[in-house]
Amino acid sequence: MLFFVSKMTKHNASVDTLVLRRIQSQGAGWVFTPTDFADLGTRTAVATALKRYKAAGSIRLLGRGLYDVPRVHAVLGTLWPAIESVSLALVRKEGLRLQPTGVYAANLLGLSEQVPAQVVFLTDGATRNVKVGPTQIRLKRTTPRNMAAAGRLSGLMIQALRSLGPAHVTAQRIERLRKNLPAEERAQIVGDIALAPEWMHAHLREVARP
């Protein structure tokens, strides 16, 4: 019995080391869940390692089963993680798809400087809220059509333009998109035009123009 306990302790210590190496390899700002270490050991061993590193201050618990490696700014102090990093962690954990929408989508494309207090993602998973520091992330289940272009520039652009509305999609904003986005990425938008409302079609063709 003593030998068995000794073996388990040694095994857990090995998992601890592997977990720490993976955390260190990703660096500050990485957001993760226990699922990101599933290949390194049992759930119990991984949970024990994360609990230990949290107690040591190496990682931070953001919410249930969601951690990060805190970034520290010389003036602002400890920062909250980027929303994109949180969304990527949720995608890896649950195998769902997420599509930024609303003001957040417009902000990602440089069409708005507004930073929303609540960030909304459309998803093919369940509707729920995830709170990370001062930001509320809402996952909102939607139709297959709205998720058809998820993960592509066209999906992000459709949601961003929808957020702005027809009256605010100006020539200046279209030109900003053309200037900031690589030509090869813009060219792919045309393939998803049918997924956008008709009023967007001319704008999307203009963005995609060589």
Protein backbone atom coordinates (compact mmCIF):
# COMPACT_ATOMS: atom_id res chain seq x y z
CA MET A 1 0.00 0.00 0.00
CA LEU A 2 2.86 2.35 0.84
CA PHE A 3 4.47 1.57 -2.52
CA PHE A 4 1.22 2.41 -4.35
CA VAL A 5 0.93 5.76 -2.59
CA SER A 6 4.54 6.52 -3.39
CA LYS A 7 3.96 5.79 -7.09
CA MET A 8 0.87 8.01 -7.17
CA THR A 9 2.72 10.89 -5.51
CA LYS A 10 5.51 10.63 -8.03
CA HIS A 11 3.02 10.51 -10.91
CA ASN A 12 1.17 13.58 -9.65
CA ALA A 13 4.42 15.49 -9.30
CA SER A 14 5.18 14.65 -12.94
CA VAL A 15 1.78 15.96 -14.02
CA ASP A 16 2.44 19.12 -11.99
CA THR A 17 5.64 19.69 -13.93
CA LEU A 18 4.02 19.06 -17.30
CA VAL A 19 1.13 21.40 -16.50
CA LEU A 20 3.54 24.14 -15.43
CA ARG A 21 5.64 23.73 -18.57
CA ARG A 22 2.58 24.12 -20.77
CA ILE A 23 1.45 27.20 -18.87
CA GLN A 24 4.90 28.76 -19.12
CA SER A 25 5.16 27.96 -22.84
CA GLN A 26 1.99 29.98 -23.52
CA GLY A 27 3.01 33.02 -21.50
CA ALA A 28 1.10 35.88 -19.93
CA GLY A 29 -2.42 36.50 -21.18
CA TRP A 30 -3.18 32.85 -21.96
CA VAL A 31 -6.70 31.80 -20.93
CA PHE A 32 -7.28 28.11 -20.39
CA THR A 33 -9.43 25.41 -18.81
CA PRO A 34 -8.52 22.02 -17.30
CA THR A 35 -9.40 20.49 -20.67
CA ASP A 36 -6.23 22.03 -22.11
CA PHE A 37 -4.22 19.56 -19.98
CA ALA A 38 -6.35 16.44 -20.52
CA ASP A 39 -3.50 14.70 -22.35
CA LEU A 40 -1.11 15.16 -19.40
CA GLY A 41 -2.92 13.22 -16.67
CA THR A 42 -6.17 12.46 -14.90
CA ARG A 43 -8.73 15.14 -14.10
CA THR A 44 -7.85 14.87 -10.43
CA ALA A 45 -4.12 15.27 -11.04
CA VAL A 46 -4.65 18.26 -13.33
CA ALA A 47 -7.09 19.86 -10.87
CA THR A 48 -4.58 19.41 -8.05
CA ALA A 49 -1.83 21.04 -10.10
CA LEU A 50 -4.01 24.01 -11.05
CA LYS A 51 -5.10 24.44 -7.44
CA ARG A 52 -1.48 24.53 -6.36
CA TYR A 53 -0.42 27.09 -8.98
CA LYS A 54 -3.45 29.24 -8.22
CA ALA A 55 -2.50 29.27 -4.53
CA ALA A 56 1.03 30.26 -5.51
CA GLY A 57 -0.29 33.17 -7.58
CA SER A 58 1.11 31.85 -10.86
CA ILE A 59 -2.36 31.60 -12.39
CA ARG A 60 -5.70 33.26 -11.70
CA LEU A 61 -9.17 31.76 -11.46
CA LEU A 62 -11.50 33.84 -13.66
CA GLY A 63 -14.65 31.80 -13.16
CA ARG A 64 -15.78 28.23 -12.88
CA GLY A 65 -13.15 26.14 -14.64
CA LEU A 66 -11.62 29.17 -16.40
CA TYR A 67 -8.11 30.41 -15.63
CA ASP A 68 -5.51 32.76 -17.04
CA VAL A 69 -1.88 33.74 -16.68
CA PRO A 70 -2.29 37.35 -15.52
CA ARG A 71 -0.68 40.13 -17.52
CA VAL A 72 0.86 42.92 -15.47
CA HIS A 73 1.17 46.47 -16.80
CA ALA A 74 3.79 48.78 -15.32
CA VAL A 75 1.21 51.53 -14.73
CA LEU A 76 -2.21 49.86 -14.82
CA GLY A 77 -1.24 46.83 -12.74
CA THR A 78 -2.84 43.42 -13.28
CA LEU A 79 -4.96 43.36 -16.43
CA TRP A 80 -8.01 41.31 -17.34
CA PRO A 81 -7.54 38.92 -20.26
CA ALA A 82 -8.48 39.77 -23.83
CA ILE A 83 -12.01 38.72 -24.78
CA GLU A 84 -10.63 36.85 -27.79
CA SER A 85 -8.45 34.72 -25.50
CA VAL A 86 -11.48 33.85 -23.36
CA SER A 87 -13.52 32.89 -26.42
CA LEU A 88 -10.74 30.65 -27.75
CA ALA A 89 -10.58 28.83 -24.41
CA LEU A 90 -14.34 28.21 -24.50
CA VAL A 91 -14.09 26.93 -28.08
CA ARG A 92 -11.35 24.47 -27.15
CA LYS A 93 -13.19 23.29 -24.05
CA GLU A 94 -16.65 22.78 -25.52
CA GLY A 95 -16.05 22.30 -29.23
CA LEU A 96 -18.61 24.96 -30.10
CA ARG A 97 -18.42 27.75 -32.65
CA LEU A 98 -18.57 31.41 -31.72
CA GLN A 99 -19.35 34.41 -33.91
CA PRO A 100 -18.61 37.90 -32.52
CA THR A 101 -21.55 40.22 -33.01
CA GLY A 102 -22.78 43.72 -32.20
CA VAL A 103 -20.44 46.50 -31.17
CA TYR A 104 -17.69 43.99 -30.37
CA ALA A 105 -17.61 42.79 -34.00
CA ALA A 106 -17.39 46.39 -35.21
CA ASN A 107 -14.62 47.10 -32.71
CA LEU A 108 -12.58 44.09 -33.92
CA LEU A 109 -12.66 45.46 -37.46
CA GLY A 110 -11.72 48.98 -36.38
CA LEU A 111 -15.15 50.36 -37.28
CA SER A 112 -15.96 51.45 -33.73
CA GLU A 113 -13.91 52.61 -30.78
CA GLN A 114 -16.65 51.69 -28.33
CA VAL A 115 -15.79 48.87 -25.92
CA PRO A 116 -19.03 47.25 -24.73
CA ALA A 117 -19.58 46.23 -21.12
CA GLN A 118 -21.36 43.14 -22.45
CA VAL A 119 -19.82 41.24 -25.34
CA VAL A 120 -22.18 39.03 -27.35
CA PHE A 121 -21.19 35.95 -29.32
CA LEU A 122 -23.61 34.00 -31.46
CA THR A 123 -23.13 30.25 -30.98
CA ASP A 124 -24.37 26.84 -31.98
CA GLY A 125 -24.10 25.85 -28.31
CA ALA A 126 -26.29 26.72 -25.35
CA THR A 127 -27.23 30.28 -24.40
CA ARG A 128 -25.44 31.38 -21.21
CA ASN A 129 -23.41 34.14 -19.58
CA VAL A 130 -19.72 34.08 -18.67
CA LYS A 131 -18.39 36.87 -16.44
CA VAL A 132 -14.72 37.78 -16.70
CA GLY A 133 -13.78 40.67 -14.44
CA PRO A 134 -15.86 43.74 -15.39
CA THR A 135 -16.95 42.22 -18.72
CA GLN A 136 -20.04 40.11 -19.20
CA ILE A 137 -19.78 37.66 -22.11
CA ARG A 138 -23.09 36.42 -23.46
CA LEU A 139 -23.23 33.32 -25.62
CA LYS A 140 -26.47 33.47 -27.59
CA ARG A 141 -27.72 30.43 -29.47
CA THR A 142 -28.78 31.29 -33.01
CA THR A 143 -29.82 29.75 -36.32
CA PRO A 144 -27.52 27.68 -38.57
CA ARG A 145 -27.71 30.46 -41.18
CA ASN A 146 -26.24 33.02 -38.77
CA MET A 147 -23.41 30.60 -37.96
CA ALA A 148 -22.69 29.60 -41.57
CA ALA A 149 -19.79 32.06 -41.91
CA ALA A 150 -18.53 31.78 -38.31
CA GLY A 151 -14.76 31.88 -38.08
CA ARG A 152 -14.40 33.71 -41.40
CA LEU A 153 -13.87 37.39 -42.15
CA SER A 154 -17.21 37.51 -43.94
CA GLY A 155 -19.05 36.39 -40.80
CA LEU A 156 -17.36 39.05 -38.72
CA MET A 157 -18.05 41.73 -41.32
CA ILE A 158 -21.73 40.83 -41.70
CA GLN A 159 -22.24 41.13 -37.96
CA ALA A 160 -20.24 44.37 -37.75
CA LEU A 161 -22.21 46.06 -40.54
CA ARG A 162 -25.48 44.84 -39.05
CA SER A 163 -24.46 46.46 -35.77
CA LEU A 164 -23.77 49.80 -37.47
CA GLY A 165 -26.93 49.77 -39.60
CA PRO A 166 -27.37 50.99 -43.21
CA ALA A 167 -27.23 54.69 -42.32
CA HIS A 168 -23.80 54.38 -40.66
CA VAL A 169 -21.98 52.21 -43.20
CA THR A 170 -20.17 55.11 -44.84
CA ALA A 171 -17.69 55.28 -47.71
CA GLN A 172 -15.02 56.18 -45.15
CA ARG A 173 -15.66 53.03 -43.16
CA ILE A 174 -15.62 50.86 -46.27
CA GLU A 175 -12.33 52.43 -47.32
CA ARG A 176 -10.92 51.78 -43.84
CA LEU A 177 -11.76 48.09 -44.23
CA ARG A 178 -10.13 47.97 -47.65
CA LYS A 179 -7.01 49.63 -46.28
CA ASN A 180 -6.67 47.53 -43.12
CA LEU A 181 -7.53 44.05 -44.43
CA PRO A 182 -5.24 41.99 -46.72
CA ALA A 183 -6.48 41.73 -50.32
CA GLU A 184 -6.50 37.92 -50.27
CA GLU A 185 -8.77 37.88 -47.22
CA ARG A 186 -11.08 40.53 -48.67
CA ALA A 187 -11.47 38.54 -51.87
CA GLN A 188 -12.99 35.62 -49.95
CA ILE A 189 -15.93 37.73 -48.75
CA VAL A 190 -17.71 37.42 -52.10
CA GLY A 191 -18.31 33.71 -51.53
CA ASP A 192 -20.53 34.45 -48.51
CA ILE A 193 -22.50 37.41 -49.86
CA ALA A 194 -25.68 35.31 -50.06
CA LEU A 195 -25.58 34.97 -46.26
CA ALA A 196 -25.81 38.74 -45.77
CA PRO A 197 -28.90 40.98 -45.92
CA GLU A 198 -29.42 42.43 -49.39
CA TRP A 199 -28.57 45.99 -48.29
CA MET A 200 -25.03 44.84 -47.44
CA HIS A 201 -24.25 43.23 -50.81
CA ALA A 202 -22.90 46.34 -52.53
CA HIS A 203 -20.77 47.22 -49.48
CA LEU A 204 -19.29 43.73 -49.28
CA ARG A 205 -18.48 43.72 -53.00
CA GLU A 206 -16.74 47.07 -52.59
CA VAL A 207 -14.66 45.76 -49.69
CA ALA A 208 -13.74 42.64 -51.70
CA ARG A 209 -12.81 44.61 -54.84
CA PRO A 210 -9.12 44.14 -55.87
